[in-house]
Structure formats: structure tokens, C-alpha cells
Amino acid sequence: MVAVELNGIWKRFPGVIANAGANLHVRSGTVHAVLGENGAGKTTLMNVLAGIYRPDEGTVELDGIEQDFSKPADAIAAGVGMVYQEFRLIPTFTVAENVVLGAATATIAKSKIESDIADLAERFGLHTDPGREIWQLSMGERQRVEILKALWRDAQVLILDEPTAVLTPQEADELGRITGAMAADGRSIIFISHKLDEVKAFCDEATVLRGGKTVAASLPVTELDADKMGELMVGKATAVSQRRVRTTEIGEAPVLTVSDMRVNDLHGRAVVAGVDLVVRPSEIVGIAGVAGNGQRPLADAIAGLIKADKGSVVVGDQDLSASPPRARNTAGLAYVPEDRIGVGLAPRMNVVENAIMRNYRALGSGPLVDRKAASDHAEDLVENFNVKVGQMHAPMAGLSGGNLQRLLVGREIVDEPRVLIAAQPTRGLDVQGVAAIQGILVEQAASGVGILLISEDLEELFALSDRLLVMHEGEVVAEFDPETATRSEVGVAMAGGHAEDAA
């Protein structure tokens, strides 16, 4: 029996079509994987099923009955629960208090609620203590609380969005056992993942999205191998139309050398697990990978924003492993972080103040900044990088994404760095914005700057990179020549396939 039917789902946002007629059919009592690279429309489609978004077109059916969810509460009442990547728990509340928070229940006796939750946890093997506070729990235990919240509300359809992203391998195996127990109870589990080994171990069928469309529906996982999954996720194209033409030769002496870089998260889990890489003058080294496989902490550790647990960072011949970000900037390392608003820019400050953040010491004397020099510097930057602004001294929060990114990139390269780390530099931009930023990167490489380009856009990586590395679970697992590699080969590596599978 089909428990969930999403038919012809369209969902549009300003400038973006997230779902373009996507379909999903999930049978009762099964674990169904939803696959696709970043931006394929997976989470948007699940948010439609969870009542967070209303589809522009298409229908949602549960057990053959068409639904019209106007809010998440409607979906919850109909038996749909969703566990998000970012857990929605109150740290100072107990497990039981978090589980029943917001739920309609006639029972208010604490001991009775804790007893009922303990019984529910025991039934599905969700080992937890209802009386413990959330801050005392591991990430795996917190995820079990989120699952209990859905089961307490009698969810018959449970959506798990990248559920193993924050789990240790042992916790991931335990989650696989739990999903199997829930499916055996007749519930339908939707498992969003990029990891082939988990899909084959935990799931019964898989649906693959690409570009907002369904490219494979309800495919038995027994028919899914690394090569086929990679091809379905990223397509079969072997070339990119407007590949960058290199106008200068790549230098010999590295401008950036990273050796055995290791970064652990707050729970001691390795998110960067021994990465080695080299970037040379005029070279663009691309890093591909599904989000959450260590790209961001790698970039932050190289830039000095977070402390690496092990490893070295050398710019030119200068070892900066123990140096703060300012010293790395002075040595010639520039960084365009993926979070342009939260990390790269200060939206409540004005254009001038944001423009001089990198080099304000050169625009004054002692602790004081020369206002005219700062304004002149900002105006030159705005003009040279075609940043469209209103008033220079007004808060910059109202600028478009493309103009924010031009300002950020311009600020980082205005002092002619030796190496530039660009993380997701064109994400969220329109066609003109993408072209402008990519043009700047190409110009910088032509001038001799070494560039480490981290992107989730394979077209961008194929078009710009001289070498292409793939990260999976914190490690560099493969290296490709973008001129000869295929998208399916890179997709295999991104999904966790072995190097020999991608050869």
C-alpha cells in the first residue's frame, strides 16, 4: 500500500525553482531514501510534505486521501513528523518535557508522562532516560528524542533529513536499526542521505532528484551501485561549455601547503580527518563534496577562524599553523567565507565600515581611522568591483546578495593576496552575479594568485578548476583532472564510492 504520494510538485521562490514537477511514492512499512546533490530540491519537497511550504502546483496524498496542509500542525495532525538536521530541543528541559512540549495530552502528571515515554522508547529501542536534561545528551541521544517527539504524536510517516550528519559511525548503525524497527511497525520512513553505504544498508527503495525533478522513482536499492547513484545524482555530462582558458602557467613553488589537517567537533568527532593539499601560483584547486563533509571547518581552520587539532598551514615558506587570522592575512592569505552575512560582513554596519575591515590599520594613525581615507578607499572598491549601493554610510543590510558578495570578494583581494580561499562564492546569486564573481576569480588566477575554490556547484568546479579534489566524511578521497573527468565519476566519489569505482 502506498502511504505517501507527492505528484507533480512545483515550488518556486524568487529567482529559484526548487521543485519542478517532482514526484515521490513511499510504501507503508518501508524505509525510502531520497537522494540528490545539494540544491536538487530534496529538503523543499520534504518541507511541502511536512506542511512548512504549500506547493504552487501538485498534490499531496496520505493513504490515498488528498491533503491540503496550510501549516506544520496540519501535517502533524495527519501523521507526518520530521526530524531536522538542526535539532529543535530546549537544552535545560528534560527528555520528557521536550517530547510533550506543544503536544495535546490530557495527562499532566510528570511521573506518568515519563513512564509512558520510557515504554515508547523501549518499544522501538530508543534507549534514553526521560528524566535527563538535553544538555547532558550526545548528538545521537538528542536525535532519539526528536524521533520520540514524532512517535509521541503518532507519526505514521517520519522524515529524517540527513540524519547521520552529526552521528558517529556507531550511532549511525544504531539509527539504521531503529528505522528498521519503525518500518516493521508499519510506519513509513523517508531517509534523506547522500551516503551510498547507508542507503544500501538501511533503505528499501530510493527516489533521486536532480534540478528539482524526479529522475528515478522508487528504485530498489539492490539495483543501486556507486556508479549508477553518481550518474543519477549529477548527470552524465562529460564537459562544461564555457571552461576557463588559462592564460598563465601554474607556478612551481606552492603558495599554500596544508599538511595532515585535523579538526574535531565539540563531541570529539573528526570533521576534518587528515587533509593534505597544495595550491600553486595561478592554480585554481577545486574542492567538491556534499555539504557537511568537512569543507567549511577545513576552510575556517586554514584561515585561522577555528583552531585545528593537528596539522600545519604554510603560506609561501611561512608556517602560520599557530598564527591568528590577522597574521595569516598579513602573510597574504585572503578568505571569502561561505556565510557572507554571518561571518564575512557585518550587516548592521555601513558600506564604508565593511569595506575597510581588512585593512583599516593602514587608513589612520594609531587607534583612529581617517574618515576621508576610509571613504575614498570604500568608494574605489565599490567602483572597481561594480558594487551597486545606495548611501555609503547607510547600513548595508539592504544590498542584494550579488552586491554583498562583490563587496566581500573585492575587500579580500584589494591588497593583492598570494592565496585566496573562496568558499561557495556564487551560492544564491543570479546569473549576472555568478558571472561577475567567477570572472574575478579567473582574473585573480591570471595575476598569479593561488585559489582554493570550495563549491557545491559541479558546473562551476569543472569550469574553473585546474585540479578537482573530492571530500567525503572529512577526508580527501579522490582527485580528478576536470578536463578529462566526468560528472558521474565525481558523483561516485561524492557519494562515498571508492577510488577504483570512479576510475
Foldseek 3Di string as FASTA:
>chain_A
DWFKWWFQFWDDDVQATQAGGAIATFRWLFEEEEEAFPSLNPVVVVCCLQLVDPTPDTFIDGPRHTDGRNHNVRNLLVQEAEADPDGDADQAQFLLCRLCVPPDDPDDDPVVSQVVLCVVCVQLVLDDRRGHGNNVDAPLNSSSSSVSSSVVSVHLEYEYAQPCLRPDPVSLVVVLSSLNSSSNVGGYYYYYHLALVSCLSRGQFYWYGGSNYTPDYRHGSVPDDLLNSLCRRFHWDQAFDQADDAPDDWDDQFQKWKFQWWAADPVRATLAGTETDTWTWLAEEEEEAGPSSNPQVVQCQLLQVDQTPDIWMQGRNRTCNPPHNLVVVVQFEFEDHPPLDPPQAPQQFFQLCSLCPNPQPVQDPDPDGDVVSSVVSSVVQCVVLVQDDDDRGGGNNPGDPLNSLSSSVSSRCVVPGQEYEYAQSCPPHHPVSVVSVLVVVNVSSNVTHTYYYYHNDVSSCLRYHQKYFYGGNNYGQDIDGSNGATSSLNSSVNNPHHNVVSD
